[in-house]
Amino acid sequence: MGPFTPGSRFDNPASIDCTSARSAARRLAACAQFRKTVFGFVLLLVWTLAILCMIRHYSGGQWWGDWLEHFQRSLFLLHHLGKDTAFLGLFPLPSRPPLMNLLGAFFMAQVGDRFELFQITFAFLNLLVFLPCSLLLPALTGRRRRIRAETSKDEVGRAS
């Protein structure tokens, strides 16, 4: 019985991908720097969501409608509204780049088009910038040698 016979573990390509992805995820989770980065991201996300939960009224001078405008733009893309739609009664569609709103509309299509779900989606998407920043931080602070030493210790620990 070969590895690709029907009923075997590898009878479809998706199971091969899942097996290799699982082993890659295990190797990634073993890296101390990865665990620190994920912990930092989750901590920042929880902190941001806690701050969003405390806001009762959006004000702040000229920024009062920023969340509402992005929500309306995402609804525009989600529900395919007319091209003459004015957001906040003022702004046409090309006044801001729509890619973030398109991502928001995609996720809102999965979970629902309520404002609080939109806020959670946008908070998560906006915090993704933390991940490349955490990769750049060692290069900017001169801590590259220490991270290499930690990585070497991790590899030595796995080898023994």
Foldseek 3Di string as FASTA:
>chain_A
DDQCDPPHQPVDPVSVVVVVVVVVVVVQVLQPLSVVLVVVLVVQLVVVVVVVVPDDAQDDPPCRCVLVQLLVLLVCLLVVDDQPDAGVVHHGPPPDDCPLSVQLNVVCVVPHSDSVSSVSSSSSVVSVVSVVVSVCVCVVVVVVVVSVVSVVVSVVVVVD
